Structure formats: C-alpha cells, structure tokens
C-alpha cells in the first residue's frame, strides 16, 4: 500500500539504487524490443492511477491507526502521509 500511495513503478523502484538490477531490467526490456523510457512512462501512468485509487478510500484506513500490531499501524500511517493534499477531507483521528 505504501508503494502504491507513493506512486512508485516497479522499474523505478528496482533501478534506482541497484546498478545490477538496473542493468538486468534494462536488458530484459531491450531483449523484447521495448524502450526503457517508454516502459517507465507507462508504469508511471499506472502508478499514478493506483495512487489515486488508494487515495479515494483514505477514510476507511483511519481505524487501522489503532491496530495493536506495529506493522499495520505504521504502514497505514506511512500511506496516509503521502496524501497531505487530502488532510482537510479526513475525519479527525482520536
């Protein structure tokens, strides 16, 4: 959910900090007669669509901030943090 909320693409996430993975992914794309930049643009558009979809149901995620397990609570908080522009639309957290 966090990666979707951030609008990350698979290729972007896996080529950013890992030169070996970047080389492998770019080779895989080239072997299929595709252009990396075109694939990245397509993924970014899909990432933005996913980000918007996650953003449409933010209020449904508020109760999970009270979850007793750290993992879910932190994941929801991190995801919500990617939507500062929607903060005024959300109910107050108690």
N, C-alpha and C. Protein backbone atom coordinates (compact mmCIF):
# COMPACT_ATOMS: atom_id res chain seq x y z
N UNK A 1 0.82 -1.18 0.00
CA UNK A 1 0.00 0.00 0.00
C UNK A 1 0.87 1.26 0.00
N UNK A 2 1.97 1.22 0.71
CA UNK A 2 2.85 2.39 0.77
C UNK A 2 3.39 2.71 -0.62
N UNK A 3 3.90 1.69 -1.32
CA UNK A 3 4.45 1.93 -2.65
C UNK A 3 3.39 2.42 -3.61
N UNK A 4 2.18 1.89 -3.50
CA UNK A 4 1.09 2.38 -4.35
C UNK A 4 0.76 3.82 -4.01
N UNK A 5 0.74 4.15 -2.72
CA UNK A 5 0.43 5.51 -2.31
C UNK A 5 1.49 6.49 -2.78
N UNK A 6 2.72 6.03 -2.87
CA UNK A 6 3.80 6.90 -3.34
C UNK A 6 3.82 7.02 -4.86
N UNK A 7 3.07 6.15 -5.53
CA UNK A 7 3.04 6.19 -6.99
C UNK A 7 4.27 5.60 -7.65
N UNK A 8 4.99 4.73 -6.94
CA UNK A 8 6.20 4.13 -7.49
C UNK A 8 5.88 3.13 -8.59
N UNK A 9 6.78 3.04 -9.55
CA UNK A 9 6.67 2.00 -10.57
C UNK A 9 7.68 0.90 -10.22
N UNK A 10 7.43 -0.29 -10.72
CA UNK A 10 8.32 -1.41 -10.47
C UNK A 10 9.73 -1.09 -10.98
N UNK A 11 9.81 -0.66 -12.22
CA UNK A 11 11.12 -0.39 -12.82
C UNK A 11 11.85 0.72 -12.08
N UNK A 12 11.13 1.74 -11.69
CA UNK A 12 11.75 2.84 -10.96
C UNK A 12 12.30 2.37 -9.62
N UNK A 13 11.49 1.60 -8.91
CA UNK A 13 11.89 1.13 -7.59
C UNK A 13 13.09 0.19 -7.66
N UNK A 14 13.19 -0.60 -8.73
CA UNK A 14 14.24 -1.61 -8.82
C UNK A 14 15.46 -1.17 -9.62
N UNK A 15 15.44 0.03 -10.16
CA UNK A 15 16.63 0.51 -10.88
C UNK A 15 17.26 1.71 -10.18
N UNK A 16 16.60 2.23 -9.17
CA UNK A 16 17.06 3.45 -8.51
C UNK A 16 18.40 3.29 -7.81
N UNK A 17 18.54 2.29 -6.96
CA UNK A 17 19.73 2.18 -6.11
C UNK A 17 20.57 0.93 -6.36
N UNK A 18 20.22 0.17 -7.37
CA UNK A 18 20.90 -1.11 -7.58
C UNK A 18 21.35 -1.22 -9.04
N UNK A 19 22.61 -0.88 -9.31
CA UNK A 19 23.09 -0.90 -10.70
C UNK A 19 22.95 -2.26 -11.37
N UNK A 20 23.13 -3.35 -10.62
CA UNK A 20 22.99 -4.68 -11.22
C UNK A 20 21.55 -4.92 -11.66
N UNK A 21 20.60 -4.64 -10.78
CA UNK A 21 19.19 -4.80 -11.13
C UNK A 21 18.80 -3.88 -12.28
N UNK A 22 19.32 -2.67 -12.25
CA UNK A 22 19.03 -1.72 -13.34
C UNK A 22 19.48 -2.29 -14.67
N UNK A 23 20.69 -2.83 -14.70
CA UNK A 23 21.21 -3.42 -15.93
C UNK A 23 20.35 -4.60 -16.38
N UNK A 24 19.99 -5.48 -15.45
CA UNK A 24 19.19 -6.66 -15.77
C UNK A 24 17.81 -6.27 -16.32
N UNK A 25 17.17 -5.32 -15.67
CA UNK A 25 15.84 -4.90 -16.11
C UNK A 25 15.91 -4.23 -17.48
N UNK A 26 16.88 -3.35 -17.66
CA UNK A 26 17.01 -2.67 -18.96
C UNK A 26 17.33 -3.67 -20.07
N UNK A 27 18.12 -4.68 -19.77
CA UNK A 27 18.43 -5.72 -20.75
C UNK A 27 17.18 -6.52 -21.08
N UNK A 28 16.42 -6.90 -20.07
CA UNK A 28 15.18 -7.65 -20.28
C UNK A 28 14.23 -6.87 -21.18
N UNK A 29 14.11 -5.58 -20.95
CA UNK A 29 13.23 -4.73 -21.77
C UNK A 29 13.75 -4.64 -23.20
N UNK A 30 15.05 -4.40 -23.35
CA UNK A 30 15.64 -4.29 -24.69
C UNK A 30 15.53 -5.60 -25.46
N UNK A 31 15.67 -6.74 -24.78
CA UNK A 31 15.55 -8.04 -25.43
C UNK A 31 14.16 -8.26 -26.02
N UNK A 32 13.19 -7.52 -25.55
CA UNK A 32 11.83 -7.63 -26.05
C UNK A 32 11.49 -6.50 -27.03
N UNK A 33 12.54 -5.83 -27.52
CA UNK A 33 12.40 -4.73 -28.48
C UNK A 33 11.53 -3.60 -27.93
N UNK A 34 11.64 -3.37 -26.64
CA UNK A 34 10.92 -2.28 -26.00
C UNK A 34 11.91 -1.20 -25.60
N UNK A 35 11.42 -0.03 -25.33
CA UNK A 35 12.27 1.10 -24.94
C UNK A 35 12.03 1.37 -23.45
N UNK A 36 13.12 1.39 -22.68
CA UNK A 36 13.01 1.55 -21.23
C UNK A 36 12.21 2.79 -20.85
N UNK A 37 12.49 3.91 -21.47
CA UNK A 37 11.80 5.16 -21.12
C UNK A 37 10.30 5.06 -21.39
N UNK A 38 9.92 4.36 -22.47
CA UNK A 38 8.50 4.17 -22.76
C UNK A 38 7.84 3.29 -21.70
N UNK A 39 8.53 2.23 -21.32
CA UNK A 39 8.01 1.34 -20.29
C UNK A 39 7.88 2.08 -18.96
N UNK A 40 8.87 2.91 -18.64
CA UNK A 40 8.84 3.68 -17.41
C UNK A 40 7.67 4.67 -17.43
N UNK A 41 7.44 5.33 -18.55
CA UNK A 41 6.33 6.28 -18.66
C UNK A 41 4.99 5.56 -18.48
N UNK A 42 4.86 4.37 -19.09
CA UNK A 42 3.63 3.60 -18.94
C UNK A 42 3.42 3.21 -17.48
N UNK A 43 4.50 2.72 -16.84
CA UNK A 43 4.39 2.35 -15.42
C UNK A 43 4.06 3.54 -14.54
N UNK A 44 4.64 4.69 -14.84
CA UNK A 44 4.33 5.88 -14.03
C UNK A 44 2.86 6.24 -14.15
N UNK A 45 2.30 6.11 -15.34
CA UNK A 45 0.88 6.42 -15.51
C UNK A 45 0.03 5.43 -14.71
N UNK A 46 0.42 4.16 -14.71
CA UNK A 46 -0.29 3.15 -13.93
C UNK A 46 -0.09 3.41 -12.43
N UNK A 47 1.12 3.83 -12.06
CA UNK A 47 1.39 4.16 -10.66
C UNK A 47 0.54 5.31 -10.17
N UNK A 48 0.39 6.32 -11.00
CA UNK A 48 -0.45 7.47 -10.63
C UNK A 48 -1.91 7.05 -10.50
N UNK A 49 -2.36 6.18 -11.40
CA UNK A 49 -3.74 5.67 -11.30
C UNK A 49 -3.93 4.89 -10.00
N UNK A 50 -2.94 4.08 -9.63
CA UNK A 50 -3.01 3.32 -8.37
C UNK A 50 -3.00 4.26 -7.18
N UNK A 51 -2.16 5.29 -7.25
CA UNK A 51 -2.09 6.28 -6.17
C UNK A 51 -3.45 6.94 -5.97
N UNK A 52 -4.09 7.31 -7.07
CA UNK A 52 -5.41 7.94 -6.98
C UNK A 52 -6.43 6.98 -6.39
N UNK A 53 -6.36 5.70 -6.78
CA UNK A 53 -7.31 4.71 -6.26
C UNK A 53 -7.13 4.52 -4.75
N UNK A 54 -5.89 4.44 -4.29
CA UNK A 54 -5.64 4.31 -2.85
C UNK A 54 -6.14 5.57 -2.14
N UNK A 55 -5.93 6.72 -2.74
CA UNK A 55 -6.33 7.99 -2.13
C UNK A 55 -7.82 8.18 -2.00
N UNK A 56 -8.59 7.47 -2.83
CA UNK A 56 -10.05 7.63 -2.77
C UNK A 56 -10.66 7.00 -1.52
N UNK A 57 -9.99 6.07 -0.90
CA UNK A 57 -10.56 5.40 0.27
C UNK A 57 -9.79 5.64 1.55
N UNK A 58 -9.15 6.77 1.67
CA UNK A 58 -8.31 7.02 2.84
C UNK A 58 -9.07 6.94 4.16
N UNK A 59 -10.29 7.46 4.19
CA UNK A 59 -11.03 7.47 5.45
C UNK A 59 -11.28 6.06 5.98
N UNK A 60 -11.34 5.08 5.10
CA UNK A 60 -11.54 3.69 5.53
C UNK A 60 -10.31 3.13 6.22
N UNK A 61 -9.18 3.77 6.05
CA UNK A 61 -7.94 3.28 6.64
C UNK A 61 -7.66 3.87 8.03
N UNK A 62 -8.35 4.93 8.38
CA UNK A 62 -8.13 5.61 9.66
C UNK A 62 -8.22 4.64 10.86
N UNK A 63 -9.24 3.77 10.93
CA UNK A 63 -9.32 2.87 12.11
C UNK A 63 -8.09 1.98 12.29
N UNK A 64 -7.38 1.71 11.22
CA UNK A 64 -6.20 0.84 11.33
C UNK A 64 -5.03 1.53 12.03
N UNK A 65 -5.14 2.83 12.27
CA UNK A 65 -4.11 3.53 13.05
C UNK A 65 -4.15 3.10 14.51
N UNK A 66 -5.22 2.43 14.91
CA UNK A 66 -5.34 1.94 16.28
C UNK A 66 -5.00 0.47 16.40
N UNK A 67 -4.55 -0.14 15.32
CA UNK A 67 -4.19 -1.56 15.35
C UNK A 67 -3.09 -1.79 16.36
N UNK A 68 -3.17 -2.90 17.06
CA UNK A 68 -2.20 -3.20 18.11
C UNK A 68 -0.84 -3.62 17.58
N UNK A 69 -0.80 -4.11 16.35
CA UNK A 69 0.48 -4.52 15.77
C UNK A 69 1.15 -3.33 15.11
N UNK A 70 2.44 -3.19 15.32
CA UNK A 70 3.15 -2.05 14.76
C UNK A 70 3.13 -2.01 13.24
N UNK A 71 3.25 -3.17 12.60
CA UNK A 71 3.39 -3.21 11.15
C UNK A 71 2.25 -2.56 10.40
N UNK A 72 1.02 -2.94 10.71
CA UNK A 72 -0.13 -2.39 10.01
C UNK A 72 -0.30 -0.91 10.33
N UNK A 73 -0.18 -0.56 11.58
CA UNK A 73 -0.34 0.84 12.00
C UNK A 73 0.68 1.72 11.28
N UNK A 74 1.94 1.27 11.23
CA UNK A 74 2.99 2.06 10.56
C UNK A 74 2.77 2.14 9.05
N UNK A 75 2.32 1.05 8.45
CA UNK A 75 2.07 1.04 7.00
C UNK A 75 0.95 2.01 6.65
N UNK A 76 -0.11 2.01 7.44
CA UNK A 76 -1.23 2.92 7.18
C UNK A 76 -0.79 4.37 7.40
N UNK A 77 -0.06 4.63 8.46
CA UNK A 77 0.42 5.99 8.72
C UNK A 77 1.32 6.47 7.60
N UNK A 78 2.21 5.62 7.13
CA UNK A 78 3.10 6.00 6.03
C UNK A 78 2.31 6.26 4.75
N UNK A 79 1.33 5.41 4.48
CA UNK A 79 0.50 5.61 3.29
C UNK A 79 -0.28 6.92 3.39
N UNK A 80 -0.90 7.17 4.54
CA UNK A 80 -1.66 8.42 4.72
C UNK A 80 -0.77 9.64 4.57
N UNK A 81 0.48 9.50 4.98
CA UNK A 81 1.42 10.62 4.88
C UNK A 81 1.71 11.06 3.45
N UNK A 82 1.34 10.24 2.48
CA UNK A 82 1.54 10.60 1.08
C UNK A 82 0.39 11.41 0.49
N UNK A 83 -0.57 11.76 1.32
CA UNK A 83 -1.75 12.48 0.83
C UNK A 83 -2.00 13.75 1.64
N UNK A 84 -0.99 14.55 1.82
CA UNK A 84 -1.14 15.79 2.58
C UNK A 84 -2.23 16.67 1.98
N UNK A 85 -2.39 16.60 0.66
CA UNK A 85 -3.40 17.43 -0.01
C UNK A 85 -4.83 17.03 0.37
N UNK A 86 -5.00 15.86 0.98
CA UNK A 86 -6.34 15.40 1.37
C UNK A 86 -6.57 15.48 2.87
N UNK A 87 -5.61 15.99 3.60
CA UNK A 87 -5.71 16.00 5.08
C UNK A 87 -6.98 16.72 5.56
N UNK A 88 -7.36 17.79 4.93
CA UNK A 88 -8.54 18.53 5.37
C UNK A 88 -9.84 17.77 5.10
N UNK A 89 -9.81 16.76 4.25
CA UNK A 89 -11.00 15.98 3.92
C UNK A 89 -11.22 14.82 4.88
N UNK A 90 -10.19 14.48 5.66
CA UNK A 90 -10.26 13.30 6.53
C UNK A 90 -10.86 13.65 7.89
N UNK A 91 -11.57 12.67 8.49
CA UNK A 91 -12.09 12.93 9.83
C UNK A 91 -10.93 13.01 10.82
N UNK A 92 -11.13 13.69 11.94
CA UNK A 92 -10.06 13.77 12.94
C UNK A 92 -9.77 12.39 13.51
N UNK A 93 -8.50 12.16 13.78
CA UNK A 93 -8.07 10.90 14.37
C UNK A 93 -8.09 11.02 15.87
N UNK A 94 -8.71 10.05 16.55
CA UNK A 94 -8.79 10.10 18.02
C UNK A 94 -8.03 8.95 18.62
